[in-house]
C-alpha atoms as a PDB file:
ATOM      1  CA  MET A   1     138.026  90.779-106.948  1.00  0.00           C
ATOM      2  CA  LEU A   2     134.864  92.636-107.377  1.00  0.00           C
ATOM      3  CA  GLY A   3     133.655  92.157-103.954  1.00  0.00           C
ATOM      4  CA  PHE A   4     130.816  90.331-104.857  1.00  0.00           C
ATOM      5  CA  GLY A   5     129.189  87.003-103.920  1.00  0.00           C
ATOM      6  CA  LEU A   6     128.709  84.032-105.726  1.00  0.00           C
ATOM      7  CA  SER A   7     125.012  85.138-106.774  1.00  0.00           C
ATOM      8  CA  LYS A   8     125.662  88.268-107.733  1.00  0.00           C
ATOM      9  CA  THR A   9     128.565  86.843-109.912  1.00  0.00           C
ATOM     10  CA  LYS A  10     126.550  84.343-111.803  1.00  0.00           C
ATOM     11  CA  MET A  11     123.853  86.752-112.202  1.00  0.00           C
ATOM     12  CA  LEU A  12     126.740  88.756-114.104  1.00  0.00           C
ATOM     13  CA  VAL A  13     127.589  86.039-116.259  1.00  0.00           C
ATOM     14  CA  LEU A  14     124.231  84.884-116.920  1.00  0.00           C
ATOM     15  CA  THR A  15     123.189  88.619-118.094  1.00  0.00           C
ATOM     16  CA  GLY A  16     126.609  88.878-120.120  1.00  0.00           C
ATOM     17  CA  GLU A  17     127.685  91.686-118.293  1.00  0.00           C
ATOM     18  CA  ILE A  18     131.028  89.988-117.395  1.00  0.00           C
ATOM     19  CA  ARG A  19     132.540  87.705-119.848  1.00  0.00           C
ATOM     20  CA  SER A  20     133.490  84.101-118.587  1.00  0.00           C
ATOM     21  CA  VAL A  21     134.864  80.950-120.115  1.00  0.00           C
ATOM     22  CA  LYS A  22     134.211  77.192-118.961  1.00  0.00           C
ATOM     23  CA  VAL A  23     136.632  74.802-118.270  1.00  0.00           C
ATOM     24  CA  GLY A  24     135.853  71.755-117.318  1.00  0.00           C
ATOM     25  CA  ARG A  25     132.797  71.929-114.665  1.00  0.00           C
ATOM     26  CA  ASN A  26     133.981  75.396-113.844  1.00  0.00           C
ATOM     27  CA  ARG A  27     133.593  79.084-114.865  1.00  0.00           C
ATOM     28  CA  ARG A  28     136.313  81.263-114.964  1.00  0.00           C
ATOM     29  CA  ILE A  29     136.523  85.206-115.060  1.00  0.00           C
ATOM     30  CA  LEU A  30     139.759  86.320-116.259  1.00  0.00           C
ATOM     31  CA  PRO A  31     141.113  89.607-114.594  1.00  0.00           C
ATOM     32  CA  ALA A  32     141.323  91.725-117.572  1.00  0.00           C
ATOM     33  CA  TRP A  33     137.539  90.836-118.113  1.00  0.00           C
ATOM     34  CA  VAL A  34     136.753  92.424-114.389  1.00  0.00           C
ATOM     35  CA  ASP A  35     138.638  95.373-115.539  1.00  0.00           C
ATOM     36  CA  GLU A  36     136.611  95.567-118.751  1.00  0.00           C
ATOM     37  CA  CYS A  37     133.376  95.063-116.844  1.00  0.00           C
ATOM     38  CA  VAL A  38     134.630  97.966-114.019  1.00  0.00           C
ATOM     39  CA  GLN A  39     135.303 100.482-116.914  1.00  0.00           C
ATOM     40  CA  ARG A  40     132.060  99.737-118.524  1.00  0.00           C
ATOM     41  CA  VAL A  41     129.886 100.238-115.283  1.00  0.00           C
ATOM     42  CA  THR A  42     132.294 103.425-114.421  1.00  0.00           C
ATOM     43  CA  ALA A  43     131.905 105.034-117.830  1.00  0.00           C
ATOM     44  CA  ASP A  44     127.836 104.231-117.631  1.00  0.00           C
ATOM     45  CA  ALA A  45     127.790 106.083-114.223  1.00  0.00           C
ATOM     46  CA  GLU A  46     129.696 109.131-115.547  1.00  0.00           C
ATOM     47  CA  GLY A  47     127.732 109.038-118.448  1.00  0.00           C
ATOM     48  CA  GLN A  48     124.063 109.092-116.164  1.00  0.00           C
ATOM     49  CA  ALA A  49     125.722 111.752-113.447  1.00  0.00           C
ATOM     50  CA  PRO A  50     123.968 115.117-113.700  1.00  0.00           C
END
């Protein structure tokens, strides 16, 4: 959904920038959590604009 590769997605999960849940051996990221991450990044970018 984000268009990121596996390593970038793993980094976002490890740093806590995007939420995930572990199901068995796999990690799952809900679409709502992707939307939250995008909104947060967008708000940060708008706040930093001159």
